[in-house]
Amino acid sequence: MRTARIGVIGDFDSARPTHVATNDAIARAAQALRATVDIEWVPTDAIASLGTDGLAELDGLWASPGSPYRSLEGMLEAIRFAREHGRPFVAT
């Protein structure tokens, strides 16, 4: 079975319950679907400084809860990438 790679766009903080819940929600959905998933958090400031090239390797994107982000520009670039490249995108 192929592993789906989900990129969570945001600035992970284990002290934020919504960030922990995002990981749990993706993992539970994968379990219910009997799928295998890898969750990769992608910091917004990394997208702003390095670009969106790394997003091409991901199967879908999820905008994390918890704005303000370190880089609003990075989040907007990720949204634009998903829209222009036909990537599944979820925002919470």
C-alpha atoms as a PDB file:
ATOM      1  CA  MET A   1       0.000   0.000   0.000  1.00  0.00           C
ATOM      2  CA  ARG A   2       1.298   3.446  -0.948  1.00  0.00           C
ATOM      3  CA  THR A   3       1.818   6.021   1.798  1.00  0.00           C
ATOM      4  CA  ALA A   4       0.103   9.382   1.289  1.00  0.00           C
ATOM      5  CA  ARG A   5       2.193  12.402   2.259  1.00  0.00           C
ATOM      6  CA  ILE A   6       0.167  15.228   3.782  1.00  0.00           C
ATOM      7  CA  GLY A   7       1.813  18.606   4.285  1.00  0.00           C
ATOM      8  CA  VAL A   8       0.368  20.654   7.114  1.00  0.00           C
ATOM      9  CA  ILE A   9       1.191  24.267   6.378  1.00  0.00           C
ATOM     10  CA  GLY A  10       1.762  26.095   9.641  1.00  0.00           C
ATOM     11  CA  ASP A  11       4.119  26.719  12.487  1.00  0.00           C
ATOM     12  CA  PHE A  12       3.831  23.641  14.720  1.00  0.00           C
ATOM     13  CA  ASP A  13       3.680  24.211  18.457  1.00  0.00           C
ATOM     14  CA  SER A  14       3.030  21.150  20.618  1.00  0.00           C
ATOM     15  CA  ALA A  15       1.534  23.421  23.293  1.00  0.00           C
ATOM     16  CA  ARG A  16      -1.325  24.372  20.953  1.00  0.00           C
ATOM     17  CA  PRO A  17      -4.157  21.840  21.307  1.00  0.00           C
ATOM     18  CA  THR A  18      -5.347  22.543  17.764  1.00  0.00           C
ATOM     19  CA  HIS A  19      -1.997  21.501  16.317  1.00  0.00           C
ATOM     20  CA  VAL A  20      -1.986  18.218  18.222  1.00  0.00           C
ATOM     21  CA  ALA A  21      -5.636  17.682  17.217  1.00  0.00           C
ATOM     22  CA  THR A  22      -4.763  18.250  13.544  1.00  0.00           C
ATOM     23  CA  ASN A  23      -2.228  15.421  13.656  1.00  0.00           C
ATOM     24  CA  ASP A  24      -4.735  13.215  15.485  1.00  0.00           C
ATOM     25  CA  ALA A  25      -7.515  13.968  12.983  1.00  0.00           C
ATOM     26  CA  ILE A  26      -5.362  13.054   9.995  1.00  0.00           C
ATOM     27  CA  ALA A  27      -4.117   9.890  11.691  1.00  0.00           C
ATOM     28  CA  ARG A  28      -7.655   8.815  12.674  1.00  0.00           C
ATOM     29  CA  ALA A  29      -8.979   9.456   9.172  1.00  0.00           C
ATOM     30  CA  ALA A  30      -6.174   7.365   7.725  1.00  0.00           C
ATOM     31  CA  GLN A  31      -6.914   4.575  10.205  1.00  0.00           C
ATOM     32  CA  ALA A  32     -10.624   4.622   9.358  1.00  0.00           C
ATOM     33  CA  LEU A  33      -9.768   4.409   5.658  1.00  0.00           C
ATOM     34  CA  ARG A  34      -7.145   1.720   6.292  1.00  0.00           C
ATOM     35  CA  ALA A  35      -4.610   4.005   4.660  1.00  0.00           C
ATOM     36  CA  THR A  36      -1.037   4.844   5.495  1.00  0.00           C
ATOM     37  CA  VAL A  37      -0.153   8.506   5.867  1.00  0.00           C
ATOM     38  CA  ASP A  38       2.922  10.550   6.701  1.00  0.00           C
ATOM     39  CA  ILE A  39       2.265  13.988   8.184  1.00  0.00           C
ATOM     40  CA  GLU A  40       4.844  16.670   7.510  1.00  0.00           C
ATOM     41  CA  TRP A  41       4.519  20.125   9.045  1.00  0.00           C
ATOM     42  CA  VAL A  42       5.844  22.808   6.701  1.00  0.00           C
ATOM     43  CA  PRO A  43       6.657  26.131   8.413  1.00  0.00           C
ATOM     44  CA  THR A  44       5.193  29.179   6.715  1.00  0.00           C
ATOM     45  CA  ASP A  45       8.451  31.113   6.970  1.00  0.00           C
ATOM     46  CA  ALA A  46      10.274  28.281   5.173  1.00  0.00           C
ATOM     47  CA  ILE A  47       7.866  28.571   2.247  1.00  0.00           C
ATOM     48  CA  ALA A  48       8.312  32.338   2.199  1.00  0.00           C
ATOM     49  CA  SER A  49      12.105  32.073   2.104  1.00  0.00           C
ATOM     50  CA  LEU A  50      12.669  28.840   0.140  1.00  0.00           C
ATOM     51  CA  GLY A  51       9.638  28.766  -2.146  1.00  0.00           C
ATOM     52  CA  THR A  52       7.129  26.038  -2.900  1.00  0.00           C
ATOM     53  CA  ASP A  53       9.394  23.454  -4.568  1.00  0.00           C
ATOM     54  CA  GLY A  54       9.136  21.073  -1.593  1.00  0.00           C
ATOM     55  CA  LEU A  55       5.337  21.114  -1.772  1.00  0.00           C
ATOM     56  CA  ALA A  56       5.398  19.285  -5.106  1.00  0.00           C
ATOM     57  CA  GLU A  57       6.409  16.077  -3.292  1.00  0.00           C
ATOM     58  CA  LEU A  58       3.270  16.126  -1.127  1.00  0.00           C
ATOM     59  CA  ASP A  59      -0.030  14.468  -2.036  1.00  0.00           C
ATOM     60  CA  GLY A  60      -2.213  17.030  -0.278  1.00  0.00           C
ATOM     61  CA  LEU A  61      -1.996  20.162   1.831  1.00  0.00           C
ATOM     62  CA  TRP A  62      -3.749  21.180   5.027  1.00  0.00           C
ATOM     63  CA  ALA A  63      -3.697  24.770   6.328  1.00  0.00           C
ATOM     64  CA  SER A  64      -3.191  24.503  10.055  1.00  0.00           C
ATOM     65  CA  PRO A  65      -5.340  26.382  12.525  1.00  0.00           C
ATOM     66  CA  GLY A  66      -3.683  29.014  14.632  1.00  0.00           C
ATOM     67  CA  SER A  67      -3.037  32.263  12.846  1.00  0.00           C
ATOM     68  CA  PRO A  68      -1.287  34.594  12.920  1.00  0.00           C
ATOM     69  CA  TYR A  69       1.331  32.614  11.080  1.00  0.00           C
ATOM     70  CA  ARG A  70       5.002  33.524  11.213  1.00  0.00           C
ATOM     71  CA  SER A  71       4.626  34.310   7.505  1.00  0.00           C
ATOM     72  CA  LEU A  72       1.250  35.139   5.990  1.00  0.00           C
ATOM     73  CA  GLU A  73       3.083  35.345   2.651  1.00  0.00           C
ATOM     74  CA  GLY A  74       4.228  31.735   3.062  1.00  0.00           C
ATOM     75  CA  MET A  75       0.683  30.551   3.756  1.00  0.00           C
ATOM     76  CA  LEU A  76      -0.663  32.425   0.743  1.00  0.00           C
ATOM     77  CA  GLU A  77       2.064  30.920  -1.451  1.00  0.00           C
ATOM     78  CA  ALA A  78       1.048  27.418  -0.307  1.00  0.00           C
ATOM     79  CA  ILE A  79      -2.613  28.134  -1.084  1.00  0.00           C
ATOM     80  CA  ARG A  80      -1.662  29.471  -4.504  1.00  0.00           C
ATOM     81  CA  PHE A  81       0.504  26.402  -5.168  1.00  0.00           C
ATOM     82  CA  ALA A  82      -2.354  24.033  -4.302  1.00  0.00           C
ATOM     83  CA  ARG A  83      -4.807  25.909  -6.506  1.00  0.00           C
ATOM     84  CA  GLU A  84      -2.471  26.216  -9.493  1.00  0.00           C
ATOM     85  CA  HIS A  85      -1.205  22.615  -9.322  1.00  0.00           C
ATOM     86  CA  GLY A  86      -4.479  20.836  -8.578  1.00  0.00           C
ATOM     87  CA  ARG A  87      -3.397  19.629  -5.137  1.00  0.00           C
ATOM     88  CA  PRO A  88      -6.090  18.731  -2.597  1.00  0.00           C
ATOM     89  CA  PHE A  89      -6.226  21.475   0.031  1.00  0.00           C
ATOM     90  CA  VAL A  90      -8.034  21.589   3.369  1.00  0.00           C
ATOM     91  CA  ALA A  91      -8.336  24.669   5.558  1.00  0.00           C
ATOM     92  CA  THR A  92      -9.561  24.585   9.119  1.00  0.00           C
END
